Protein backbone atom coordinates (compact mmCIF):
# COMPACT_ATOMS: atom_id res chain seq x y z
CA MET A 1 2.35 -6.89 162.35
CA THR A 2 5.16 -6.18 164.82
CA SER A 3 4.65 -7.37 168.57
CA ARG A 4 6.59 -6.07 171.48
CA ILE A 5 6.94 -9.03 173.85
CA LEU A 6 8.36 -8.99 177.30
CA PHE A 7 9.28 -12.22 179.11
CA VAL A 8 9.35 -11.96 183.04
CA CYS A 9 10.94 -14.26 185.70
CA LEU A 10 12.17 -13.71 189.22
CA GLY A 11 15.80 -12.43 188.64
CA ASN A 12 15.97 -12.06 184.92
CA ILE A 13 19.06 -14.50 184.67
CA CYS A 14 17.82 -17.98 183.68
CA ARG A 15 14.40 -18.37 182.50
CA SER A 16 13.34 -15.00 180.79
CA PRO A 17 16.61 -14.35 179.29
CA ALA A 18 16.37 -17.92 177.87
CA ALA A 19 12.92 -17.27 176.54
CA GLU A 20 14.25 -13.86 175.15
CA GLY A 21 16.94 -15.52 173.16
CA VAL A 22 14.80 -18.21 171.81
CA ALA A 23 11.83 -15.90 170.92
CA ARG A 24 14.47 -13.77 169.10
CA SER A 25 15.27 -16.52 166.96
CA LEU A 26 11.81 -17.86 166.35
CA LEU A 27 10.22 -14.38 166.00
CA PRO A 28 12.45 -12.09 163.83
CA GLY A 29 11.07 -8.55 163.28
CA HIS A 30 9.41 -8.64 166.62
CA ARG A 31 10.87 -6.56 169.88
CA ILE A 32 11.57 -9.14 172.29
CA ASP A 33 12.90 -8.23 175.83
CA SER A 34 13.10 -9.71 179.27
CA ALA A 35 13.08 -8.60 182.97
CA GLY A 36 12.80 -9.85 186.44
CA THR A 37 10.41 -8.88 189.25
CA SER A 38 13.26 -8.61 191.56
CA ASP A 39 16.36 -6.37 191.70
CA TRP A 40 18.72 -8.96 192.86
CA HIS A 41 20.76 -9.38 189.56
CA VAL A 42 20.41 -5.96 187.79
CA GLY A 43 23.00 -5.34 185.45
CA GLU A 44 24.18 -8.91 185.45
CA PRO A 45 24.39 -11.22 182.56
CA PRO A 46 22.61 -14.43 182.55
CA TYR A 47 23.50 -17.36 184.69
CA GLY A 48 26.62 -18.88 183.30
CA PRO A 49 25.18 -22.50 183.05
CA MET A 50 22.03 -21.40 181.39
CA GLN A 51 24.28 -19.42 178.80
CA ALA A 52 26.09 -22.65 178.29
CA ALA A 53 23.10 -24.81 177.97
CA ALA A 54 21.47 -22.33 175.36
CA ARG A 55 24.78 -21.79 173.44
CA ALA A 56 24.45 -25.72 173.04
CA ARG A 57 21.29 -25.26 171.27
CA GLY A 58 22.66 -22.24 169.22
CA ILE A 59 21.30 -19.60 171.26
CA GLU A 60 23.42 -16.81 172.48
CA LEU A 61 22.54 -14.93 175.67
CA GLY A 62 25.79 -13.45 176.64
CA ASP A 63 24.83 -9.88 175.57
CA LEU A 64 21.80 -9.88 177.77
CA ARG A 65 21.71 -8.01 180.89
CA ALA A 66 19.39 -8.43 183.75
CA ARG A 67 16.83 -5.40 184.54
CA GLN A 68 13.80 -5.23 186.97
CA PHE A 69 10.08 -5.19 185.52
CA GLU A 70 8.62 -1.78 186.09
CA ALA A 71 5.05 -0.31 185.64
CA ALA A 72 6.13 1.64 182.41
CA ASP A 73 6.60 -2.05 180.93
CA PHE A 74 2.86 -1.87 180.57
CA ASP A 75 3.03 0.93 178.16
CA ARG A 76 6.28 -0.32 176.32
CA PHE A 77 4.98 -3.90 175.46
CA ASP A 78 1.93 -5.39 173.77
CA LEU A 79 2.33 -8.77 175.77
CA ILE A 80 4.01 -9.63 178.90
CA LEU A 81 4.49 -13.19 179.57
CA ALA A 82 5.33 -14.61 182.95
CA MET A 83 7.34 -17.80 183.78
CA ASP A 84 5.25 -18.63 186.99
CA GLY A 85 2.09 -17.69 188.92
CA ASN A 86 4.19 -15.78 191.48
CA ASN A 87 5.79 -13.40 189.03
CA LEU A 88 2.50 -12.90 187.25
CA ARG A 89 0.99 -11.84 190.49
CA GLU A 90 3.88 -9.54 190.92
CA ILE A 91 3.47 -8.12 187.52
CA GLU A 92 -0.34 -7.55 188.00
CA ALA A 93 0.24 -5.82 191.49
CA LEU A 94 2.48 -3.25 189.35
CA ARG A 95 -0.40 -2.65 186.70
CA PRO A 96 -1.29 1.28 186.41
CA ALA A 97 -4.82 1.84 186.44
CA GLY A 98 -6.44 1.73 182.81
CA ARG A 99 -3.53 -0.41 181.26
CA ALA A 100 -4.99 -3.30 179.47
CA THR A 101 -1.70 -4.93 178.25
CA PRO A 102 -2.49 -8.66 178.39
CA VAL A 103 -0.30 -10.42 181.12
CA ARG A 104 -0.30 -14.35 180.61
CA LEU A 105 1.52 -17.33 181.77
CA PHE A 106 4.32 -18.18 178.90
CA THR A 107 3.09 -21.92 179.23
CA ASP A 108 -0.12 -21.14 178.10
CA TYR A 109 1.32 -21.30 174.41
CA ALA A 110 2.36 -24.93 175.19
CA PRO A 111 -0.65 -26.55 176.53
CA GLU A 112 0.66 -29.80 175.05
CA THR A 113 3.31 -30.24 177.63
CA GLY A 114 0.68 -30.04 180.68
CA ALA A 115 3.15 -27.75 182.17
CA ASP A 116 1.48 -24.63 184.16
CA HIS A 117 4.90 -22.84 184.78
CA VAL A 118 8.64 -22.91 183.85
CA PRO A 119 10.56 -24.37 186.70
CA ASP A 120 13.23 -22.04 187.95
CA PRO A 121 16.70 -24.02 186.93
CA TYR A 122 18.63 -21.86 189.16
CA TYR A 123 17.20 -23.98 191.70
CA THR A 124 16.20 -27.03 190.16
CA ARG A 125 19.56 -27.24 187.98
CA ASP A 126 17.44 -29.01 185.10
CA LEU A 127 18.66 -26.26 182.53
CA ASP A 128 17.71 -28.47 179.62
CA ALA A 129 13.95 -29.45 180.99
CA ALA A 130 13.60 -25.50 181.13
CA LEU A 131 14.94 -24.92 177.73
CA ASP A 132 12.73 -27.63 176.41
CA LEU A 133 9.51 -26.01 177.76
CA ILE A 134 10.75 -22.51 176.54
CA GLU A 135 11.39 -23.66 173.25
CA ALA A 136 7.86 -25.42 173.01
CA ALA A 137 6.07 -22.30 174.31
CA ALA A 138 8.03 -20.05 172.28
CA GLU A 139 6.92 -22.11 169.12
CA GLY A 140 3.45 -22.13 170.38
CA LEU A 141 3.70 -18.26 170.55
CA ARG A 142 4.99 -18.13 167.21
CA ARG A 143 2.15 -19.95 165.73
CA HIS A 144 -0.26 -17.97 167.77
CA LEU A 145 1.14 -14.62 166.37
CA SER A 146 1.23 -16.04 162.84
CA ALA A 147 -2.49 -17.03 163.09
CA GLU A 148 -3.22 -13.48 164.27
CA ALA A 149 -1.35 -11.71 161.42
């Protein structure tokens, strides 16, 4: 079964495009996209240092462009994954009445890490730690989707 999965962070230039890139490599055949709850970077490529860190792991992000999350995404996707609680609340605030699309924290798929969110490497500057957590959660998501199939 093909799933349509959306990753969401604040600006769509670090965490969510990195999650999109990692998930595309782990989940071929699924529709994967990313967005941000803010409109600060719409149309911009991912943050340069994040692109470099991802590229060092074999993940190319250069063709991605930031876009803003919108209420219509509840119809376009089967699962929406937020990078942190603030973004989860922003997503839920836009939920149209009657839409049951699940919205979860991405880290729910990596309970072994003990993380309750993916820290924003734009501010922490710890790109590798963010990518480690993203890779762990993406692998957990892959296992979850395989178990559902």
